[in-house]
Amino acid sequence: MKRTRGTEEFGTFETPISAAQVLERCAELEADGLEFYQGLLKGAQSEWVRKLARMMVKAEIRHRDRFLRYAEHARASGKSEDVSAGEPLPPELARLMSERVFVSEELAERTGHNVDERKALELAIRAEESLALLYGQIRSYVPRDQRKYLDQIIKEEQRHQSDLEKLLRKHFQ
């Protein structure tokens, strides 16, 4: 998948963005999560953390693929490239859209040796929360008729976070 961090899509602030552009970037963020959990899976000493990482790898693949389908649907919906109704992203949001939420696969693998079960869950929860908040901030800069796509992914990220929090409570409280 082509990576667009720091490119004209989010690096220039004069042009509004379409839902398709945001959704493609969301798919990249999910791919970052996939790489992170693959690294954690390789490096984790605990079987429980490896099990969590396998579960998260599957979830990140589903999210990435779903966001790509949403992007394609938004692009094909006819008005998806008409971004005149949207506002340009402010520089701070464009910067956030260009950053990684997860560390690289290599770094995750190296640090996996030191991650216990509780820390792995807390890390996953924070990442899901950060993504939901970022998508929520971006939402108002997408044309109104395309916001339904972002609303759906925000709900999915919040559900993912909630499921992980339940798992944390079940095992550690």
Protein backbone atom coordinates (compact mmCIF):
# COMPACT_ATOMS: atom_id res chain seq x y z
CA MET A 1 0.00 0.00 0.00
CA LYS A 2 1.30 3.46 -0.89
CA ARG A 3 2.19 5.57 2.14
CA THR A 4 1.21 9.24 1.98
CA ARG A 5 2.58 10.64 5.23
CA GLY A 6 3.75 14.18 4.78
CA THR A 7 2.65 14.40 1.16
CA GLU A 8 0.48 16.99 -0.49
CA GLU A 9 -2.69 15.32 0.78
CA PHE A 10 -2.07 16.49 4.31
CA GLY A 11 0.98 18.71 3.92
CA THR A 12 -0.80 21.62 2.29
CA PHE A 13 -3.48 23.35 4.23
CA GLU A 14 -5.14 25.38 1.50
CA THR A 15 -7.21 22.59 -0.02
CA PRO A 16 -10.12 20.83 1.63
CA ILE A 17 -9.88 17.06 1.75
CA SER A 18 -12.37 14.44 0.71
CA ALA A 19 -13.65 11.58 2.80
CA ALA A 20 -11.85 9.22 0.40
CA GLN A 21 -8.51 10.86 1.18
CA VAL A 22 -9.12 10.68 4.91
CA LEU A 23 -10.29 7.07 4.70
CA GLU A 24 -7.21 6.08 2.71
CA ARG A 25 -5.05 7.67 5.37
CA CYS A 26 -7.06 5.88 8.07
CA ALA A 27 -6.30 2.62 6.26
CA GLU A 28 -2.60 3.51 6.44
CA LEU A 29 -2.89 4.15 10.17
CA GLU A 30 -4.47 0.72 10.55
CA ALA A 31 -1.60 -0.75 8.52
CA ASP A 32 0.77 0.89 11.01
CA GLY A 33 -1.17 -0.84 13.79
CA LEU A 34 -0.92 -4.12 11.91
CA GLU A 35 2.88 -3.75 11.69
CA PHE A 36 3.09 -2.85 15.37
CA TYR A 37 1.13 -5.90 16.50
CA GLN A 38 3.11 -8.15 14.17
CA GLY A 39 6.29 -6.88 15.83
CA LEU A 40 4.80 -7.38 19.28
CA LEU A 41 3.82 -10.90 18.28
CA LYS A 42 7.41 -11.65 17.25
CA GLY A 43 9.04 -10.11 20.30
CA ALA A 44 6.67 -10.87 23.18
CA GLN A 45 7.80 -13.42 25.72
CA SER A 46 4.35 -13.96 27.19
CA GLU A 47 1.98 -16.32 25.38
CA TRP A 48 -0.90 -14.14 26.61
CA VAL A 49 0.61 -11.04 24.93
CA ARG A 50 1.21 -13.04 21.74
CA LYS A 51 -2.44 -14.14 21.82
CA LEU A 52 -3.54 -10.51 22.22
CA ALA A 53 -1.22 -9.47 19.38
CA ARG A 54 -2.68 -12.16 17.08
CA MET A 55 -6.18 -10.93 17.90
CA MET A 56 -5.17 -7.33 17.19
CA VAL A 57 -3.44 -8.27 13.91
CA LYS A 58 -6.74 -9.74 12.68
CA ALA A 59 -8.66 -6.67 13.85
CA GLU A 60 -6.23 -4.25 12.17
CA ILE A 61 -6.47 -6.17 8.90
CA ARG A 62 -10.27 -6.00 9.05
CA HIS A 63 -10.18 -2.27 9.81
CA ARG A 64 -7.62 -1.51 7.09
CA ASP A 65 -9.59 -3.43 4.48
CA ARG A 66 -12.90 -1.90 5.58
CA PHE A 67 -11.50 1.63 5.43
CA LEU A 68 -10.19 0.98 1.92
CA ARG A 69 -13.66 -0.22 0.87
CA TYR A 70 -15.21 2.88 2.46
CA ALA A 71 -12.72 5.07 0.59
CA GLU A 72 -13.56 3.40 -2.70
CA HIS A 73 -17.28 3.80 -2.03
CA ALA A 74 -16.82 7.46 -1.09
CA ARG A 75 -14.75 8.08 -4.22
CA ALA A 76 -17.36 6.36 -6.41
CA SER A 77 -20.33 8.12 -4.82
CA GLY A 78 -20.17 10.91 -7.39
CA LYS A 79 -19.62 13.87 -5.10
CA SER A 80 -16.61 12.42 -3.30
CA GLU A 81 -14.11 14.47 -5.26
CA ASP A 82 -16.13 17.65 -4.87
CA VAL A 83 -14.55 18.87 -1.68
CA SER A 84 -15.69 22.45 -2.04
CA ALA A 85 -18.10 21.97 0.87
CA GLY A 86 -15.25 20.97 3.17
CA GLU A 87 -12.77 23.18 4.95
CA PRO A 88 -8.99 23.02 4.69
CA LEU A 89 -7.31 21.13 7.52
CA PRO A 90 -5.59 23.34 10.05
CA PRO A 91 -1.83 22.76 10.19
CA GLU A 92 -1.95 20.88 13.51
CA LEU A 93 -4.50 18.35 12.20
CA ALA A 94 -2.60 17.93 8.95
CA ARG A 95 0.52 17.20 11.02
CA LEU A 96 -1.35 14.65 13.14
CA MET A 97 -2.68 12.94 10.02
CA SER A 98 0.92 12.66 8.81
CA GLU A 99 2.27 11.04 11.98
CA ARG A 100 2.41 7.43 13.11
CA VAL A 101 0.23 6.44 16.06
CA PHE A 102 2.08 3.15 16.49
CA VAL A 103 5.81 2.52 16.65
CA SER A 104 7.39 0.50 13.84
CA GLU A 105 7.30 -3.28 13.67
CA GLU A 106 11.02 -3.47 14.44
CA LEU A 107 10.74 -1.31 17.55
CA ALA A 108 7.66 -3.20 18.71
CA GLU A 109 9.55 -6.47 18.34
CA ARG A 110 12.51 -5.17 20.37
CA THR A 111 10.34 -3.78 23.13
CA GLY A 112 8.04 -6.79 23.12
CA HIS A 113 10.45 -8.53 25.47
CA ASN A 114 9.59 -5.98 28.16
CA VAL A 115 5.83 -5.73 27.67
CA ASP A 116 3.69 -7.59 30.16
CA GLU A 117 0.01 -8.40 29.70
CA ARG A 118 -1.33 -5.30 31.40
CA LYS A 119 0.99 -2.95 29.51
CA ALA A 120 0.12 -4.55 26.17
CA LEU A 121 -3.59 -4.01 26.79
CA GLU A 122 -3.08 -0.45 28.03
CA LEU A 123 -1.00 0.34 24.96
CA ALA A 124 -3.66 -1.03 22.62
CA ILE A 125 -6.39 0.91 24.46
CA ARG A 126 -4.46 4.19 24.18
CA ALA A 127 -3.83 3.64 20.47
CA GLU A 128 -7.52 2.97 19.77
CA GLU A 129 -8.54 6.00 21.81
CA SER A 130 -6.01 8.21 19.98
CA LEU A 131 -7.29 7.08 16.60
CA ALA A 132 -10.93 7.68 17.53
CA LEU A 133 -10.08 11.17 18.80
CA LEU A 134 -8.07 11.99 15.68
CA TYR A 135 -10.86 10.81 13.39
CA GLY A 136 -13.34 12.85 15.42
CA GLN A 137 -11.23 15.99 14.96
CA ILE A 138 -10.90 15.38 11.21
CA ARG A 139 -14.63 14.73 10.76
CA SER A 140 -15.73 18.37 10.66
CA TYR A 141 -13.28 19.12 7.83
CA VAL A 142 -14.81 16.56 5.48
CA PRO A 143 -17.84 17.59 3.37
CA ARG A 144 -21.10 16.95 5.26
CA ASP A 145 -22.41 14.37 2.81
CA GLN A 146 -19.27 12.25 3.38
CA ARG A 147 -19.12 12.38 7.19
CA LYS A 148 -21.14 9.16 7.53
CA TYR A 149 -18.00 7.21 6.60
CA LEU A 150 -15.98 8.82 9.37
CA ASP A 151 -18.85 8.40 11.82
CA GLN A 152 -18.74 4.67 11.14
CA ILE A 153 -14.99 4.32 11.68
CA ILE A 154 -15.14 6.42 14.85
CA LYS A 155 -17.77 4.03 16.20
CA GLU A 156 -15.61 1.06 15.24
CA GLU A 157 -12.53 2.47 16.99
CA GLN A 158 -14.57 3.29 20.10
CA ARG A 159 -16.01 -0.24 20.11
CA HIS A 160 -12.52 -1.67 19.76
CA GLN A 161 -11.33 0.46 22.68
CA SER A 162 -14.32 -0.61 24.77
CA ASP A 163 -13.69 -4.30 24.04
CA LEU A 164 -10.05 -3.93 25.10
CA GLU A 165 -11.05 -2.09 28.28
CA LYS A 166 -13.44 -4.94 29.15
CA LEU A 167 -10.63 -7.41 28.61
CA LEU A 168 -8.37 -5.36 30.88
CA ARG A 169 -11.01 -5.25 33.64
CA LYS A 170 -11.72 -8.96 33.29
CA HIS A 171 -8.08 -9.99 33.64
CA PHE A 172 -6.55 -7.34 35.90
CA GLN A 173 -9.17 -5.83 38.20
